[in-house]
C-alpha atoms as a PDB file:
ATOM      1  CA  MET A   1     -13.341 -40.052  32.410  1.00  0.00           C
ATOM      2  CA  ASN A   2      -9.926 -39.397  33.978  1.00  0.00           C
ATOM      3  CA  HIS A   3      -8.138 -40.260  30.732  1.00  0.00           C
ATOM      4  CA  GLU A   4      -9.820 -37.213  29.175  1.00  0.00           C
ATOM      5  CA  VAL A   5      -8.561 -35.115  32.072  1.00  0.00           C
ATOM      6  CA  PHE A   6      -4.999 -36.393  31.663  1.00  0.00           C
ATOM      7  CA  ALA A   7      -5.102 -35.817  27.895  1.00  0.00           C
ATOM      8  CA  ALA A   8      -6.340 -32.251  28.399  1.00  0.00           C
ATOM      9  CA  LEU A   9      -3.693 -31.688  31.069  1.00  0.00           C
ATOM     10  CA  GLY A  10      -0.986 -32.798  28.666  1.00  0.00           C
ATOM     11  CA  GLU A  11      -2.243 -30.414  25.996  1.00  0.00           C
ATOM     12  CA  ALA A  12      -2.401 -27.548  28.488  1.00  0.00           C
ATOM     13  CA  LEU A  13       1.180 -28.108  29.573  1.00  0.00           C
ATOM     14  CA  LYS A  14       2.289 -28.375  25.963  1.00  0.00           C
ATOM     15  CA  SER A  15       0.624 -25.070  25.056  1.00  0.00           C
ATOM     16  CA  GLY A  16       1.926 -23.302  28.174  1.00  0.00           C
ATOM     17  CA  GLU A  17      -1.526 -22.876  29.759  1.00  0.00           C
ATOM     18  CA  GLU A  18      -1.992 -22.863  33.535  1.00  0.00           C
ATOM     19  CA  VAL A  19      -4.733 -25.114  34.926  1.00  0.00           C
ATOM     20  CA  ALA A  20      -5.995 -26.369  38.280  1.00  0.00           C
ATOM     21  CA  LEU A  21      -6.550 -30.069  38.984  1.00  0.00           C
ATOM     22  CA  VAL A  22      -9.393 -30.971  41.343  1.00  0.00           C
ATOM     23  CA  THR A  23      -9.235 -34.489  42.811  1.00  0.00           C
ATOM     24  CA  ILE A  24     -11.539 -36.254  45.261  1.00  0.00           C
ATOM     25  CA  VAL A  25      -9.184 -37.513  47.986  1.00  0.00           C
ATOM     26  CA  SER A  26     -11.724 -38.692  50.557  1.00  0.00           C
ATOM     27  CA  ALA A  27     -15.346 -39.831  50.393  1.00  0.00           C
ATOM     28  CA  ASN A  28     -17.569 -41.267  53.102  1.00  0.00           C
ATOM     29  CA  GLY A  29     -21.199 -42.254  52.904  1.00  0.00           C
ATOM     30  CA  SER A  30     -23.275 -41.594  49.819  1.00  0.00           C
ATOM     31  CA  THR A  31     -21.387 -39.394  47.340  1.00  0.00           C
ATOM     32  CA  PRO A  32     -21.896 -38.928  43.592  1.00  0.00           C
ATOM     33  CA  GLN A  33     -18.281 -39.781  42.713  1.00  0.00           C
ATOM     34  CA  ARG A  34     -15.600 -42.033  44.130  1.00  0.00           C
ATOM     35  CA  VAL A  35     -12.113 -41.223  45.403  1.00  0.00           C
ATOM     36  CA  GLY A  36      -9.762 -40.402  42.541  1.00  0.00           C
ATOM     37  CA  ALA A  37     -12.320 -38.657  40.316  1.00  0.00           C
ATOM     38  CA  LYS A  38     -10.761 -35.602  38.714  1.00  0.00           C
ATOM     39  CA  MET A  39     -11.761 -32.344  37.111  1.00  0.00           C
ATOM     40  CA  LEU A  40      -9.485 -29.967  35.224  1.00  0.00           C
ATOM     41  CA  VAL A  41     -10.287 -26.253  35.470  1.00  0.00           C
ATOM     42  CA  TYR A  42      -8.934 -23.532  33.178  1.00  0.00           C
ATOM     43  CA  ALA A  43      -8.515 -19.874  34.109  1.00  0.00           C
ATOM     44  CA  ASP A  44     -11.417 -18.886  31.842  1.00  0.00           C
ATOM     45  CA  GLY A  45     -13.776 -21.375  33.528  1.00  0.00           C
ATOM     46  CA  ARG A  46     -13.607 -24.203  31.017  1.00  0.00           C
ATOM     47  CA  VAL A  47     -13.828 -27.663  32.584  1.00  0.00           C
ATOM     48  CA  VAL A  48     -12.804 -31.170  31.579  1.00  0.00           C
ATOM     49  CA  GLY A  49     -14.018 -34.086  33.686  1.00  0.00           C
ATOM     50  CA  THR A  50     -16.354 -34.066  36.689  1.00  0.00           C
ATOM     51  CA  ILE A  51     -16.360 -34.690  40.412  1.00  0.00           C
ATOM     52  CA  GLY A  52     -20.096 -35.361  40.428  1.00  0.00           C
ATOM     53  CA  GLY A  53     -21.935 -32.252  39.351  1.00  0.00           C
ATOM     54  CA  GLY A  54     -24.252 -30.081  41.366  1.00  0.00           C
ATOM     55  CA  CYS A  55     -23.625 -27.035  43.522  1.00  0.00           C
ATOM     56  CA  TYR A  56     -20.491 -28.377  45.179  1.00  0.00           C
ATOM     57  CA  GLU A  57     -18.832 -28.961  41.789  1.00  0.00           C
ATOM     58  CA  ASN A  58     -19.618 -25.384  40.806  1.00  0.00           C
ATOM     59  CA  GLU A  59     -18.205 -24.195  44.115  1.00  0.00           C
ATOM     60  CA  ALA A  60     -15.075 -26.281  43.531  1.00  0.00           C
ATOM     61  CA  LEU A  61     -14.755 -24.737  40.083  1.00  0.00           C
ATOM     62  CA  TRP A  62     -14.687 -21.204  41.524  1.00  0.00           C
ATOM     63  CA  LYS A  63     -12.294 -22.313  44.236  1.00  0.00           C
ATOM     64  CA  ALA A  64     -10.022 -23.752  41.549  1.00  0.00           C
ATOM     65  CA  ARG A  65     -10.017 -20.438  39.695  1.00  0.00           C
ATOM     66  CA  GLU A  66      -8.965 -18.735  42.940  1.00  0.00           C
ATOM     67  CA  VAL A  67      -6.158 -21.268  43.307  1.00  0.00           C
ATOM     68  CA  LEU A  68      -4.944 -20.325  39.836  1.00  0.00           C
ATOM     69  CA  LYS A  69      -4.670 -16.720  41.007  1.00  0.00           C
ATOM     70  CA  THR A  70      -2.996 -17.425  44.363  1.00  0.00           C
ATOM     71  CA  ARG A  71      -0.989 -20.413  43.067  1.00  0.00           C
ATOM     72  CA  LYS A  72      -1.505 -22.127  46.419  1.00  0.00           C
ATOM     73  CA  ALA A  73      -3.013 -25.609  46.662  1.00  0.00           C
ATOM     74  CA  CYS A  74      -5.819 -26.261  49.135  1.00  0.00           C
ATOM     75  CA  THR A  75      -8.120 -28.967  50.455  1.00  0.00           C
ATOM     76  CA  VAL A  76     -11.859 -28.332  50.644  1.00  0.00           C
ATOM     77  CA  ARG A  77     -14.368 -30.424  52.589  1.00  0.00           C
ATOM     78  CA  TYR A  78     -18.008 -30.774  51.613  1.00  0.00           C
ATOM     79  CA  GLU A  79     -20.800 -32.043  53.854  1.00  0.00           C
ATOM     80  CA  LEU A  80     -23.445 -33.442  51.542  1.00  0.00           C
ATOM     81  CA  THR A  81     -26.325 -32.901  53.949  1.00  0.00           C
ATOM     82  CA  ASP A  82     -30.034 -33.144  53.211  1.00  0.00           C
ATOM     83  CA  ASP A  83     -30.194 -29.370  52.715  1.00  0.00           C
ATOM     84  CA  PHE A  84     -27.252 -29.518  50.311  1.00  0.00           C
ATOM     85  CA  ALA A  85     -28.846 -32.439  48.453  1.00  0.00           C
ATOM     86  CA  GLU A  86     -32.111 -30.568  48.109  1.00  0.00           C
ATOM     87  CA  GLU A  87     -30.330 -27.463  46.818  1.00  0.00           C
ATOM     88  CA  SER A  88     -28.194 -29.373  44.329  1.00  0.00           C
ATOM     89  CA  GLY A  89     -30.784 -31.924  43.268  1.00  0.00           C
ATOM     90  CA  LEU A  90     -28.457 -34.789  44.249  1.00  0.00           C
ATOM     91  CA  ILE A  91     -29.498 -37.682  46.442  1.00  0.00           C
ATOM     92  CA  CYS A  92     -26.555 -38.136  48.758  1.00  0.00           C
ATOM     93  CA  GLY A  93     -25.659 -37.722  52.398  1.00  0.00           C
ATOM     94  CA  GLY A  94     -21.954 -38.252  52.835  1.00  0.00           C
ATOM     95  CA  GLN A  95     -18.760 -36.266  53.234  1.00  0.00           C
ATOM     96  CA  MET A  96     -16.187 -35.531  50.587  1.00  0.00           C
ATOM     97  CA  GLU A  97     -12.799 -33.821  50.456  1.00  0.00           C
ATOM     98  CA  VAL A  98     -11.213 -32.492  47.293  1.00  0.00           C
ATOM     99  CA  PHE A  99      -7.618 -31.425  46.770  1.00  0.00           C
ATOM    100  CA  ILE A 100      -7.163 -28.512  44.392  1.00  0.00           C
ATOM    101  CA  GLU A 101      -3.689 -27.864  43.012  1.00  0.00           C
ATOM    102  CA  PRO A 102      -2.407 -25.390  40.446  1.00  0.00           C
ATOM    103  CA  ILE A 103      -0.415 -27.001  37.657  1.00  0.00           C
ATOM    104  CA  GLU A 104       1.913 -24.831  35.665  1.00  0.00           C
ATOM    105  CA  PRO A 105       3.962 -25.695  32.593  1.00  0.00           C
ATOM    106  CA  SER A 106       7.696 -25.187  32.720  1.00  0.00           C
ATOM    107  CA  PRO A 107       7.906 -21.391  32.856  1.00  0.00           C
ATOM    108  CA  ALA A 108       8.970 -19.742  29.620  1.00  0.00           C
ATOM    109  CA  VAL A 109      11.218 -16.690  29.669  1.00  0.00           C
ATOM    110  CA  TYR A 110      11.473 -14.563  26.530  1.00  0.00           C
ATOM    111  CA  ILE A 111      14.761 -12.662  26.471  1.00  0.00           C
ATOM    112  CA  PHE A 112      14.683  -9.636  24.187  1.00  0.00           C
ATOM    113  CA  GLY A 113      18.324  -8.856  23.528  1.00  0.00           C
ATOM    114  CA  ALA A 114      21.085 -11.422  23.095  1.00  0.00           C
ATOM    115  CA  GLY A 115      23.949  -9.342  24.455  1.00  0.00           C
ATOM    116  CA  HIS A 116      26.063 -10.092  27.502  1.00  0.00           C
ATOM    117  CA  VAL A 117      23.298  -9.760  30.082  1.00  0.00           C
ATOM    118  CA  GLY A 118      20.846 -11.683  27.910  1.00  0.00           C
ATOM    119  CA  GLN A 119      23.355 -14.470  27.428  1.00  0.00           C
ATOM    120  CA  PHE A 120      23.872 -14.960  31.160  1.00  0.00           C
ATOM    121  CA  VAL A 121      20.162 -14.637  31.909  1.00  0.00           C
ATOM    122  CA  GLY A 122      19.581 -17.439  29.408  1.00  0.00           C
ATOM    123  CA  ARG A 123      22.193 -19.594  31.097  1.00  0.00           C
ATOM    124  CA  VAL A 124      21.004 -19.257  34.691  1.00  0.00           C
ATOM    125  CA  ALA A 125      17.311 -19.292  33.741  1.00  0.00           C
ATOM    126  CA  HIS A 126      17.751 -22.618  31.955  1.00  0.00           C
ATOM    127  CA  ASP A 127      19.510 -24.060  34.989  1.00  0.00           C
ATOM    128  CA  ALA A 128      16.563 -22.892  37.136  1.00  0.00           C
ATOM    129  CA  GLY A 129      14.054 -24.762  34.961  1.00  0.00           C
ATOM    130  CA  PHE A 130      12.878 -22.036  32.588  1.00  0.00           C
ATOM    131  CA  GLN A 131      12.355 -22.632  28.884  1.00  0.00           C
ATOM    132  CA  VAL A 132      14.520 -19.995  27.245  1.00  0.00           C
ATOM    133  CA  HIS A 133      13.419 -18.073  24.140  1.00  0.00           C
ATOM    134  CA  VAL A 134      15.826 -15.522  22.676  1.00  0.00           C
ATOM    135  CA  ILE A 135      14.874 -12.739  20.280  1.00  0.00           C
ATOM    136  CA  ASP A 136      17.400 -10.407  18.631  1.00  0.00           C
ATOM    137  CA  ASP A 137      17.992  -9.084  15.135  1.00  0.00           C
ATOM    138  CA  ARG A 138      21.719  -9.914  15.229  1.00  0.00           C
ATOM    139  CA  GLU A 139      22.622 -13.465  14.252  1.00  0.00           C
ATOM    140  CA  LYS A 140      26.115 -12.808  15.557  1.00  0.00           C
ATOM    141  CA  PHE A 141      24.617 -12.735  19.056  1.00  0.00           C
ATOM    142  CA  ALA A 142      21.411 -14.762  18.764  1.00  0.00           C
ATOM    143  CA  ASN A 143      22.793 -18.187  17.935  1.00  0.00           C
ATOM    144  CA  SER A 144      23.067 -21.674  19.415  1.00  0.00           C
ATOM    145  CA  GLU A 145      26.712 -21.210  20.294  1.00  0.00           C
ATOM    146  CA  ARG A 146      25.872 -18.453  22.746  1.00  0.00           C
ATOM    147  CA  PHE A 147      22.551 -20.011  23.789  1.00  0.00           C
ATOM    148  CA  PRO A 148      23.133 -23.788  23.579  1.00  0.00           C
ATOM    149  CA  ASN A 149      20.153 -24.653  25.810  1.00  0.00           C
ATOM    150  CA  ALA A 150      17.587 -22.294  24.313  1.00  0.00           C
ATOM    151  CA  THR A 151      14.226 -23.724  23.345  1.00  0.00           C
ATOM    152  CA  GLU A 152      13.923 -21.126  20.592  1.00  0.00           C
ATOM    153  CA  ILE A 153      16.240 -18.578  18.994  1.00  0.00           C
ATOM    154  CA  VAL A 154      14.632 -15.934  16.806  1.00  0.00           C
ATOM    155  CA  VAL A 155      16.734 -13.718  14.566  1.00  0.00           C
ATOM    156  CA  ASP A 156      14.316 -10.987  13.587  1.00  0.00           C
ATOM    157  CA  ASP A 157      13.435  -7.364  14.087  1.00  0.00           C
ATOM    158  CA  ILE A 158      12.010  -7.274  17.628  1.00  0.00           C
ATOM    159  CA  PRO A 159       9.089  -4.869  17.033  1.00  0.00           C
ATOM    160  CA  GLY A 160       8.190  -6.696  13.828  1.00  0.00           C
ATOM    161  CA  TRP A 161       8.286 -10.086  15.523  1.00  0.00           C
ATOM    162  CA  LEU A 162       6.168  -8.836  18.428  1.00  0.00           C
ATOM    163  CA  ALA A 163       3.619  -7.395  16.008  1.00  0.00           C
ATOM    164  CA  ARG A 164       3.053 -10.934  14.720  1.00  0.00           C
ATOM    165  CA  THR A 165       3.356 -12.770  18.026  1.00  0.00           C
ATOM    166  CA  THR A 166       1.268 -13.010  21.189  1.00  0.00           C
ATOM    167  CA  LEU A 167       3.139 -14.478  24.138  1.00  0.00           C
ATOM    168  CA  PRO A 168       1.278 -16.852  26.479  1.00  0.00           C
ATOM    169  CA  ALA A 169      -0.148 -15.284  29.636  1.00  0.00           C
ATOM    170  CA  SER A 170       2.220 -17.438  31.708  1.00  0.00           C
ATOM    171  CA  ALA A 171       5.306 -15.999  29.982  1.00  0.00           C
ATOM    172  CA  TYR A 172       8.106 -13.999  31.573  1.00  0.00           C
ATOM    173  CA  ALA A 173       9.528 -11.254  29.362  1.00  0.00           C
ATOM    174  CA  VAL A 174      12.976  -9.766  29.990  1.00  0.00           C
ATOM    175  CA  VAL A 175      13.896  -6.656  27.987  1.00  0.00           C
ATOM    176  CA  VAL A 176      17.679  -6.289  27.830  1.00  0.00           C
ATOM    177  CA  THR A 177      18.291  -4.987  24.311  1.00  0.00           C
ATOM    178  CA  ARG A 178      21.335  -3.067  23.145  1.00  0.00           C
ATOM    179  CA  GLY A 179      19.869   0.421  23.296  1.00  0.00           C
ATOM    180  CA  HIS A 180      17.235   2.876  24.438  1.00  0.00           C
ATOM    181  CA  ARG A 181      15.282   2.820  21.167  1.00  0.00           C
ATOM    182  CA  HIS A 182      15.106  -0.969  21.050  1.00  0.00           C
ATOM    183  CA  ASP A 183      14.024  -1.128  24.709  1.00  0.00           C
ATOM    184  CA  LEU A 184      11.322   1.449  24.005  1.00  0.00           C
ATOM    185  CA  ASP A 185       9.971  -0.443  20.997  1.00  0.00           C
ATOM    186  CA  ALA A 186       9.953  -3.749  22.864  1.00  0.00           C
ATOM    187  CA  LEU A 187       8.274  -2.307  25.941  1.00  0.00           C
ATOM    188  CA  ARG A 188       5.651  -0.521  23.853  1.00  0.00           C
ATOM    189  CA  ALA A 189       4.564  -3.854  22.358  1.00  0.00           C
ATOM    190  CA  LEU A 190       4.994  -6.063  25.426  1.00  0.00           C
ATOM    191  CA  SER A 191       3.246  -3.822  27.949  1.00  0.00           C
ATOM    192  CA  ARG A 192       0.008  -4.247  26.021  1.00  0.00           C
ATOM    193  CA  GLN A 193       0.164  -8.029  26.409  1.00  0.00           C
ATOM    194  CA  ASN A 194      -1.102  -9.960  29.403  1.00  0.00           C
ATOM    195  CA  LEU A 195       2.073 -11.487  30.861  1.00  0.00           C
ATOM    196  CA  ARG A 196       3.110 -13.132  34.105  1.00  0.00           C
ATOM    197  CA  TYR A 197       6.172 -10.885  34.257  1.00  0.00           C
ATOM    198  CA  LEU A 198       7.661  -8.015  32.276  1.00  0.00           C
ATOM    199  CA  GLY A 199      10.982  -6.457  33.244  1.00  0.00           C
ATOM    200  CA  LEU A 200      13.077  -3.685  31.704  1.00  0.00           C
ATOM    201  CA  ILE A 201      16.785  -3.155  32.290  1.00  0.00           C
ATOM    202  CA  GLY A 202      18.203   0.307  32.891  1.00  0.00           C
ATOM    203  CA  SER A 203      18.747   3.072  35.400  1.00  0.00           C
ATOM    204  CA  ARG A 204      15.854   4.930  36.986  1.00  0.00           C
ATOM    205  CA  ALA A 205      16.639   7.903  34.751  1.00  0.00           C
ATOM    206  CA  LYS A 206      16.402   5.726  31.642  1.00  0.00           C
ATOM    207  CA  VAL A 207      13.189   4.113  32.834  1.00  0.00           C
ATOM    208  CA  LYS A 208      11.659   7.540  33.458  1.00  0.00           C
ATOM    209  CA  ARG A 209      12.576   8.726  29.961  1.00  0.00           C
ATOM    210  CA  ILE A 210      11.003   5.654  28.361  1.00  0.00           C
ATOM    211  CA  TYR A 211       7.860   5.962  30.481  1.00  0.00           C
ATOM    212  CA  ASP A 212       7.576   9.646  29.582  1.00  0.00           C
ATOM    213  CA  VAL A 213       7.701   8.819  25.873  1.00  0.00           C
ATOM    214  CA  LEU A 214       5.122   6.045  26.160  1.00  0.00           C
ATOM    215  CA  ALA A 215       2.795   8.158  28.275  1.00  0.00           C
ATOM    216  CA  GLU A 216       3.095  11.061  25.859  1.00  0.00           C
ATOM    217  CA  ASP A 217       2.364   9.095  22.697  1.00  0.00           C
ATOM    218  CA  GLY A 218      -0.619   7.434  24.376  1.00  0.00           C
ATOM    219  CA  THR A 219       0.108   3.912  23.136  1.00  0.00           C
ATOM    220  CA  VAL A 220       0.409   2.508  26.664  1.00  0.00           C
ATOM    221  CA  THR A 221      -1.737   3.256  29.707  1.00  0.00           C
ATOM    222  CA  ILE A 222      -0.440   4.142  33.154  1.00  0.00           C
ATOM    223  CA  GLU A 223      -1.975   0.926  34.498  1.00  0.00           C
ATOM    224  CA  GLN A 224      -0.011  -1.127  31.976  1.00  0.00           C
ATOM    225  CA  LEU A 225       3.248   0.595  32.912  1.00  0.00           C
ATOM    226  CA  GLU A 226       2.585   0.017  36.611  1.00  0.00           C
ATOM    227  CA  SER A 227       2.882  -3.720  36.059  1.00  0.00           C
ATOM    228  CA  VAL A 228       6.403  -3.435  34.590  1.00  0.00           C
ATOM    229  CA  HIS A 229       9.354  -4.372  36.799  1.00  0.00           C
ATOM    230  CA  ALA A 230      11.760  -1.526  36.106  1.00  0.00           C
ATOM    231  CA  PRO A 231      14.568  -1.260  36.782  1.00  0.00           C
ATOM    232  CA  ILE A 232      14.623  -5.028  36.443  1.00  0.00           C
ATOM    233  CA  GLY A 233      15.920  -7.403  39.115  1.00  0.00           C
ATOM    234  CA  LEU A 234      16.403  -7.440  42.880  1.00  0.00           C
ATOM    235  CA  ASP A 235      18.749  -4.992  44.566  1.00  0.00           C
ATOM    236  CA  ILE A 236      21.766  -7.142  45.453  1.00  0.00           C
ATOM    237  CA  GLY A 237      24.382  -4.632  44.340  1.00  0.00           C
ATOM    238  CA  ALA A 238      24.919  -6.403  41.001  1.00  0.00           C
ATOM    239  CA  VAL A 239      27.524  -4.866  38.674  1.00  0.00           C
ATOM    240  CA  THR A 240      28.801  -7.437  36.162  1.00  0.00           C
ATOM    241  CA  PRO A 241      26.583  -9.088  33.515  1.00  0.00           C
ATOM    242  CA  GLN A 242      26.771 -12.328  35.476  1.00  0.00           C
ATOM    243  CA  GLU A 243      25.662 -10.629  38.689  1.00  0.00           C
ATOM    244  CA  ILE A 244      22.897  -8.715  36.918  1.00  0.00           C
ATOM    245  CA  ALA A 245      21.649 -12.012  35.464  1.00  0.00           C
ATOM    246  CA  VAL A 246      21.458 -13.506  38.968  1.00  0.00           C
ATOM    247  CA  SER A 247      19.558 -10.420  40.154  1.00  0.00           C
ATOM    248  CA  ILE A 248      17.067 -10.805  37.292  1.00  0.00           C
ATOM    249  CA  LEU A 249      16.636 -14.536  37.839  1.00  0.00           C
ATOM    250  CA  ALA A 250      16.024 -13.956  41.558  1.00  0.00           C
ATOM    251  CA  GLU A 251      13.144 -11.651  40.694  1.00  0.00           C
ATOM    252  CA  LEU A 252      11.709 -14.148  38.196  1.00  0.00           C
ATOM    253  CA  ILE A 253      11.763 -16.859  40.856  1.00  0.00           C
ATOM    254  CA  ALA A 254      10.171 -14.534  43.414  1.00  0.00           C
ATOM    255  CA  VAL A 255       7.320 -13.754  41.013  1.00  0.00           C
ATOM    256  CA  LYS A 256       6.945 -17.430  40.181  1.00  0.00           C
ATOM    257  CA  HIS A 257       6.390 -18.239  43.853  1.00  0.00           C
ATOM    258  CA  GLY A 258       4.212 -15.234  44.618  1.00  0.00           C
ATOM    259  CA  LYS A 259       6.772 -13.322  46.670  1.00  0.00           C
ATOM    260  CA  VAL A 260       5.716  -9.695  46.311  1.00  0.00           C
ATOM    261  CA  HIS A 261       8.410  -8.257  48.576  1.00  0.00           C
ATOM    262  CA  PRO A 262      11.172 -10.868  48.909  1.00  0.00           C
ATOM    263  CA  THR A 263      13.443 -10.434  51.912  1.00  0.00           C
ATOM    264  CA  SER A 264      16.562 -12.026  53.333  1.00  0.00           C
ATOM    265  CA  LEU A 265      16.235 -15.405  55.064  1.00  0.00           C
ATOM    266  CA  ARG A 266      18.700 -14.306  57.720  1.00  0.00           C
ATOM    267  CA  TRP A 267      17.580 -15.228  61.222  1.00  0.00           C
ATOM    268  CA  THR A 268      19.134 -14.827  64.643  1.00  0.00           C
ATOM    269  CA  PRO A 269      18.628 -17.788  67.015  1.00  0.00           C
ATOM    270  CA  PRO A 270      17.230 -16.820  70.438  1.00  0.00           C
ATOM    271  CA  GLN A 271      20.462 -17.730  72.229  1.00  0.00           C
ATOM    272  CA  LEU A 272      22.348 -15.173  70.143  1.00  0.00           C
ATOM    273  CA  GLN A 273      19.895 -12.371  70.671  1.00  0.00           C
ATOM    274  CA  LYS A 274      20.976  -9.773  73.174  1.00  0.00           C
ATOM    275  CA  ALA A 275      18.730  -9.625  76.178  1.00  0.00           C
ATOM    276  CA  GLU A 276      17.196  -6.240  76.856  1.00  0.00           C
ATOM    277  CA  PRO A 277      18.563  -4.611  80.016  1.00  0.00           C
ATOM    278  CA  ALA A 278      16.322  -4.913  83.021  1.00  0.00           C
ATOM    279  CA  LYS A 279      14.135  -1.929  83.728  1.00  0.00           C
ATOM    280  CA  TYR A 280      13.864  -0.697  87.251  1.00  0.00           C
ATOM    281  CA  GLU A 281      11.232   1.572  88.606  1.00  0.00           C
ATOM    282  CA  VAL A 282      12.495   4.627  90.404  1.00  0.00           C
END
């Protein structure tokens, strides 16, 4: 049975789909499956493989779907008591532990705009383990010389390409085109897709203007705009294209690891902390 699980896992990774792998890691007494049995769970509830059936498998399925949302692995213990056996219809009376882990494909970042910032985002994102996809209508910029490590380079009209393309839900989209109109067109199409991350470059004034246009024409809802990271990146005082690329990558990594409000790691050891002056009662 596990070979079916591994085959499905390989296909999921190939297609960029996130899944959770449920594995029995401990079993004592009478249990319906042995240690090592696996079940693959998709975000929509599809399942490949089994860890024995019954109520506890259904509970593990829902727990796996939670793990896909939190992206944090966990271990769950089940006591297969007489009451549990009666409820599930299984004849067993042991204990079982399952390990549930989220498995993600190599994250894919779609860079809309192959200019200076896009070029450096592609470079550092590749080094950080992202699959880089570049989309721009200028072959002079969107080419393998400027993006030697890109998984895909698309030379096409961005709105036209997006009209024909649905990005995977696990995708990261970075909008860094050469102008306001191109950013607007890209954001209009991308904000209606279900994405792991969507970021837009620009000042707050520019972001406001684009949001005003989208809200006025009614093509994008307020809820959809609320999920956009704009202005894009973390505030590290970035100025040059290289620094802006690092700022953007830092935000991508933070989202990847579930850091909603990333902060500095700086820490002051106790011996360096100033002791508070003694307080005396008068």
